[in-house]
Amino acid sequence: MQSGFLRLPFVISPKGPIPCSKSTWWAGVKSGRFPEPRRNGRMTFWHRDDIAELIELLKDNLDWRHRQNPSSELQSRKTCNDPGEGGRAS
């Protein structure tokens, strides 16, 4: 796997690897569904390996919390489009 860093526009976009909005992404970071960013001054970025691992988890309909604690029965069967914490279910 390649090492390196990715900025948010390369992580999320309508046709990108993770198709969700910025607000959904940041809510997922806050709740632990998505990986925490790294910061260098005003620049925010994610490790390429973390994003690649997240994409694989999302393919299996899991989220980042499952990676950190796979034995627990978290409500990890969510996708990027789920309302998440604070959202209303339909």
N, C-alpha and C. Protein backbone atom coordinates (compact mmCIF):
# COMPACT_ATOMS: atom_id res chain seq x y z
N MET A 1 0.84 -1.18 0.00
CA MET A 1 0.00 0.00 0.00
C MET A 1 0.90 1.25 0.00
N GLN A 2 0.49 2.27 -0.69
CA GLN A 2 1.27 3.49 -0.75
C GLN A 2 1.15 4.29 0.54
N SER A 3 2.23 4.91 0.95
CA SER A 3 2.14 5.80 2.10
C SER A 3 2.01 7.21 1.57
N GLY A 4 1.57 8.10 2.40
CA GLY A 4 1.38 9.48 2.01
C GLY A 4 0.16 10.05 2.69
N PHE A 5 -0.21 11.23 2.26
CA PHE A 5 -1.30 11.94 2.89
C PHE A 5 -2.28 12.44 1.84
N LEU A 6 -3.55 12.56 2.25
CA LEU A 6 -4.60 13.04 1.36
C LEU A 6 -5.33 14.19 2.03
N ARG A 7 -5.66 15.20 1.23
CA ARG A 7 -6.50 16.29 1.70
C ARG A 7 -7.96 15.89 1.48
N LEU A 8 -8.88 16.58 2.16
CA LEU A 8 -10.29 16.22 2.13
C LEU A 8 -10.89 16.16 0.72
N PRO A 9 -10.58 17.10 -0.20
CA PRO A 9 -11.19 17.00 -1.54
C PRO A 9 -10.82 15.72 -2.29
N PHE A 10 -9.73 15.08 -1.92
CA PHE A 10 -9.34 13.82 -2.56
C PHE A 10 -9.96 12.61 -1.87
N VAL A 11 -10.57 12.84 -0.69
CA VAL A 11 -11.19 11.75 0.07
C VAL A 11 -12.67 11.66 -0.22
N ILE A 12 -13.35 12.81 -0.18
CA ILE A 12 -14.80 12.81 -0.41
C ILE A 12 -15.13 13.65 -1.64
N SER A 13 -16.10 13.19 -2.37
CA SER A 13 -16.64 13.92 -3.50
C SER A 13 -17.79 13.08 -4.04
N PRO A 14 -18.69 13.69 -4.82
CA PRO A 14 -19.82 12.90 -5.34
C PRO A 14 -19.40 11.65 -6.10
N LYS A 15 -18.30 11.72 -6.83
CA LYS A 15 -17.85 10.55 -7.58
C LYS A 15 -16.52 10.02 -7.06
N GLY A 16 -16.12 10.46 -5.87
CA GLY A 16 -14.85 10.06 -5.30
C GLY A 16 -14.93 8.75 -4.56
N PRO A 17 -13.85 8.39 -3.86
CA PRO A 17 -13.82 7.11 -3.16
C PRO A 17 -14.85 7.01 -2.03
N ILE A 18 -15.16 8.15 -1.40
CA ILE A 18 -16.17 8.17 -0.34
C ILE A 18 -17.16 9.28 -0.69
N PRO A 19 -18.28 8.92 -1.29
CA PRO A 19 -19.23 9.93 -1.77
C PRO A 19 -20.15 10.46 -0.68
N CYS A 20 -19.69 11.44 0.06
CA CYS A 20 -20.53 12.08 1.07
C CYS A 20 -20.17 13.55 1.18
N SER A 21 -21.00 14.30 1.86
CA SER A 21 -20.78 15.74 2.01
C SER A 21 -19.76 16.02 3.10
N LYS A 22 -19.26 17.25 3.13
CA LYS A 22 -18.31 17.64 4.18
C LYS A 22 -18.94 17.52 5.56
N SER A 23 -20.19 17.95 5.69
CA SER A 23 -20.83 17.90 7.01
C SER A 23 -21.01 16.46 7.49
N THR A 24 -21.36 15.55 6.57
CA THR A 24 -21.47 14.13 6.93
C THR A 24 -20.11 13.58 7.32
N TRP A 25 -19.08 13.95 6.56
CA TRP A 25 -17.73 13.48 6.86
C TRP A 25 -17.29 13.94 8.25
N TRP A 26 -17.43 15.24 8.54
CA TRP A 26 -16.97 15.76 9.83
C TRP A 26 -17.79 15.22 11.00
N ALA A 27 -19.09 14.97 10.78
CA ALA A 27 -19.90 14.33 11.82
C ALA A 27 -19.39 12.90 12.07
N GLY A 28 -19.00 12.21 11.00
CA GLY A 28 -18.45 10.86 11.13
C GLY A 28 -17.10 10.85 11.84
N VAL A 29 -16.28 11.87 11.59
CA VAL A 29 -15.00 11.98 12.30
C VAL A 29 -15.26 12.20 13.78
N LYS A 30 -16.20 13.10 14.09
CA LYS A 30 -16.51 13.41 15.49
C LYS A 30 -17.06 12.19 16.23
N SER A 31 -17.90 11.39 15.55
CA SER A 31 -18.50 10.23 16.21
C SER A 31 -17.58 9.01 16.22
N GLY A 32 -16.49 9.05 15.44
CA GLY A 32 -15.57 7.92 15.39
C GLY A 32 -15.83 6.99 14.22
N ARG A 33 -16.82 7.29 13.37
CA ARG A 33 -17.10 6.44 12.20
C ARG A 33 -15.99 6.52 11.17
N PHE A 34 -15.33 7.67 11.09
CA PHE A 34 -14.25 7.90 10.13
C PHE A 34 -12.98 8.26 10.89
N PRO A 35 -11.80 8.06 10.29
CA PRO A 35 -10.53 8.30 10.99
C PRO A 35 -10.29 9.77 11.31
N GLU A 36 -9.56 9.99 12.38
CA GLU A 36 -9.17 11.34 12.78
C GLU A 36 -8.14 11.90 11.81
N PRO A 37 -8.22 13.18 11.53
CA PRO A 37 -7.22 13.78 10.64
C PRO A 37 -5.93 14.10 11.38
N ARG A 38 -4.91 14.38 10.63
CA ARG A 38 -3.65 14.92 11.16
C ARG A 38 -3.65 16.39 10.78
N ARG A 39 -3.00 17.20 11.56
CA ARG A 39 -2.94 18.62 11.26
C ARG A 39 -1.50 19.10 11.31
N ASN A 40 -1.20 20.02 10.41
CA ASN A 40 0.10 20.68 10.38
C ASN A 40 -0.19 22.16 10.13
N GLY A 41 -0.20 22.92 11.22
CA GLY A 41 -0.60 24.31 11.10
C GLY A 41 -2.08 24.38 10.74
N ARG A 42 -2.40 25.05 9.65
CA ARG A 42 -3.79 25.15 9.21
C ARG A 42 -4.17 24.05 8.23
N MET A 43 -3.25 23.18 7.89
CA MET A 43 -3.50 22.12 6.91
C MET A 43 -4.03 20.87 7.62
N THR A 44 -5.09 20.31 7.07
CA THR A 44 -5.69 19.08 7.60
C THR A 44 -5.57 17.99 6.54
N PHE A 45 -5.15 16.82 6.96
CA PHE A 45 -4.96 15.73 6.01
C PHE A 45 -5.13 14.40 6.72
N TRP A 46 -5.27 13.33 5.91
CA TRP A 46 -5.44 11.97 6.42
C TRP A 46 -4.37 11.09 5.81
N HIS A 47 -3.93 10.09 6.58
CA HIS A 47 -2.99 9.11 6.04
C HIS A 47 -3.68 8.31 4.94
N ARG A 48 -3.00 8.12 3.84
CA ARG A 48 -3.53 7.35 2.71
C ARG A 48 -3.91 5.94 3.16
N ASP A 49 -3.11 5.33 4.02
CA ASP A 49 -3.40 3.98 4.50
C ASP A 49 -4.70 3.93 5.30
N ASP A 50 -4.96 4.97 6.12
CA ASP A 50 -6.21 5.03 6.89
C ASP A 50 -7.41 5.10 5.96
N ILE A 51 -7.31 5.91 4.92
CA ILE A 51 -8.43 6.06 3.98
C ILE A 51 -8.63 4.77 3.19
N ALA A 52 -7.55 4.13 2.77
CA ALA A 52 -7.66 2.86 2.05
C ALA A 52 -8.33 1.81 2.94
N GLU A 53 -7.96 1.77 4.20
CA GLU A 53 -8.57 0.81 5.13
C GLU A 53 -10.05 1.14 5.36
N LEU A 54 -10.37 2.43 5.47
CA LEU A 54 -11.77 2.83 5.63
C LEU A 54 -12.59 2.42 4.42
N ILE A 55 -12.06 2.60 3.22
CA ILE A 55 -12.78 2.21 2.01
C ILE A 55 -13.08 0.71 2.03
N GLU A 56 -12.12 -0.10 2.45
CA GLU A 56 -12.34 -1.55 2.53
C GLU A 56 -13.41 -1.87 3.57
N LEU A 57 -13.40 -1.17 4.72
CA LEU A 57 -14.43 -1.39 5.74
C LEU A 57 -15.80 -1.01 5.21
N LEU A 58 -15.88 0.12 4.49
CA LEU A 58 -17.17 0.56 3.94
C LEU A 58 -17.69 -0.42 2.90
N LYS A 59 -16.79 -1.06 2.15
CA LYS A 59 -17.21 -2.08 1.19
C LYS A 59 -17.90 -3.23 1.90
N ASP A 60 -17.45 -3.54 3.12
CA ASP A 60 -18.05 -4.60 3.93
C ASP A 60 -19.19 -4.08 4.79
N ASN A 61 -19.59 -2.82 4.55
CA ASN A 61 -20.68 -2.16 5.28
C ASN A 61 -20.35 -2.00 6.77
N LEU A 62 -19.08 -1.73 7.06
CA LEU A 62 -18.62 -1.47 8.43
C LEU A 62 -18.08 -0.05 8.48
N ASP A 63 -17.74 0.43 9.68
CA ASP A 63 -17.14 1.75 9.78
C ASP A 63 -15.86 1.69 10.61
N TRP A 64 -15.23 2.83 10.83
CA TRP A 64 -13.92 2.92 11.47
C TRP A 64 -13.94 2.38 12.89
N ARG A 65 -15.07 2.49 13.60
CA ARG A 65 -15.14 1.98 14.98
C ARG A 65 -14.94 0.48 15.01
N HIS A 66 -15.37 -0.22 13.97
CA HIS A 66 -15.19 -1.67 13.91
C HIS A 66 -13.72 -2.03 13.84
N ARG A 67 -12.93 -1.23 13.16
CA ARG A 67 -11.49 -1.46 13.04
C ARG A 67 -10.82 -1.36 14.41
N GLN A 68 -11.26 -0.41 15.20
CA GLN A 68 -10.62 -0.17 16.48
C GLN A 68 -11.05 -1.17 17.55
N ASN A 69 -12.25 -1.75 17.42
CA ASN A 69 -12.75 -2.69 18.40
C ASN A 69 -13.62 -3.74 17.70
N PRO A 70 -13.01 -4.64 16.93
CA PRO A 70 -13.79 -5.56 16.10
C PRO A 70 -14.62 -6.56 16.89
N SER A 71 -14.31 -6.82 18.15
CA SER A 71 -15.06 -7.82 18.89
C SER A 71 -16.35 -7.26 19.47
N SER A 72 -16.50 -5.95 19.53
CA SER A 72 -17.72 -5.38 20.11
C SER A 72 -18.84 -5.38 19.09
N GLU A 73 -20.04 -5.33 19.55
CA GLU A 73 -21.20 -5.30 18.68
C GLU A 73 -21.72 -3.88 18.55
N LEU A 74 -20.85 -2.98 18.09
CA LEU A 74 -21.26 -1.60 17.86
C LEU A 74 -22.25 -1.55 16.73
N GLN A 75 -22.98 -0.48 16.66
CA GLN A 75 -23.87 -0.29 15.52
C GLN A 75 -23.01 0.17 14.35
N SER A 76 -22.14 -0.72 13.90
CA SER A 76 -21.16 -0.36 12.89
C SER A 76 -21.64 -0.65 11.48
N ARG A 77 -22.80 -1.20 11.32
CA ARG A 77 -23.31 -1.49 9.98
C ARG A 77 -24.00 -0.27 9.41
N LYS A 78 -23.22 0.80 9.23
CA LYS A 78 -23.73 2.05 8.67
C LYS A 78 -22.93 2.41 7.45
N THR A 79 -23.53 3.12 6.58
CA THR A 79 -22.82 3.63 5.42
C THR A 79 -22.65 5.12 5.56
N CYS A 80 -21.97 5.71 4.64
CA CYS A 80 -21.74 7.14 4.68
C CYS A 80 -23.04 7.92 4.64
N ASN A 81 -24.08 7.38 4.04
CA ASN A 81 -25.34 8.09 3.89
C ASN A 81 -26.28 7.93 5.07
N ASP A 82 -25.92 7.11 6.06
CA ASP A 82 -26.76 6.97 7.24
C ASP A 82 -26.75 8.25 8.05
N PRO A 83 -27.84 8.54 8.79
CA PRO A 83 -27.89 9.78 9.54
C PRO A 83 -26.88 9.86 10.67
N GLY A 84 -26.43 8.73 11.22
CA GLY A 84 -25.43 8.76 12.28
C GLY A 84 -25.98 9.34 13.56
N GLU A 85 -25.10 9.73 14.45
CA GLU A 85 -25.52 10.30 15.71
C GLU A 85 -26.20 11.64 15.49
N GLY A 86 -27.29 11.85 16.17
CA GLY A 86 -27.98 13.12 16.07
C GLY A 86 -28.91 13.23 14.88
N GLY A 87 -28.84 12.28 13.97
CA GLY A 87 -29.68 12.33 12.78
C GLY A 87 -30.99 11.61 13.01
N ARG A 88 -31.95 11.85 12.15
CA ARG A 88 -33.25 11.19 12.25
C ARG A 88 -33.28 10.01 11.30
N ALA A 89 -33.80 8.93 11.78
CA ALA A 89 -33.96 7.77 10.89
C ALA A 89 -35.27 7.93 10.13
N SER A 90 -35.34 7.43 8.93
CA SER A 90 -36.55 7.55 8.13
C SER A 90 -37.53 6.46 8.49
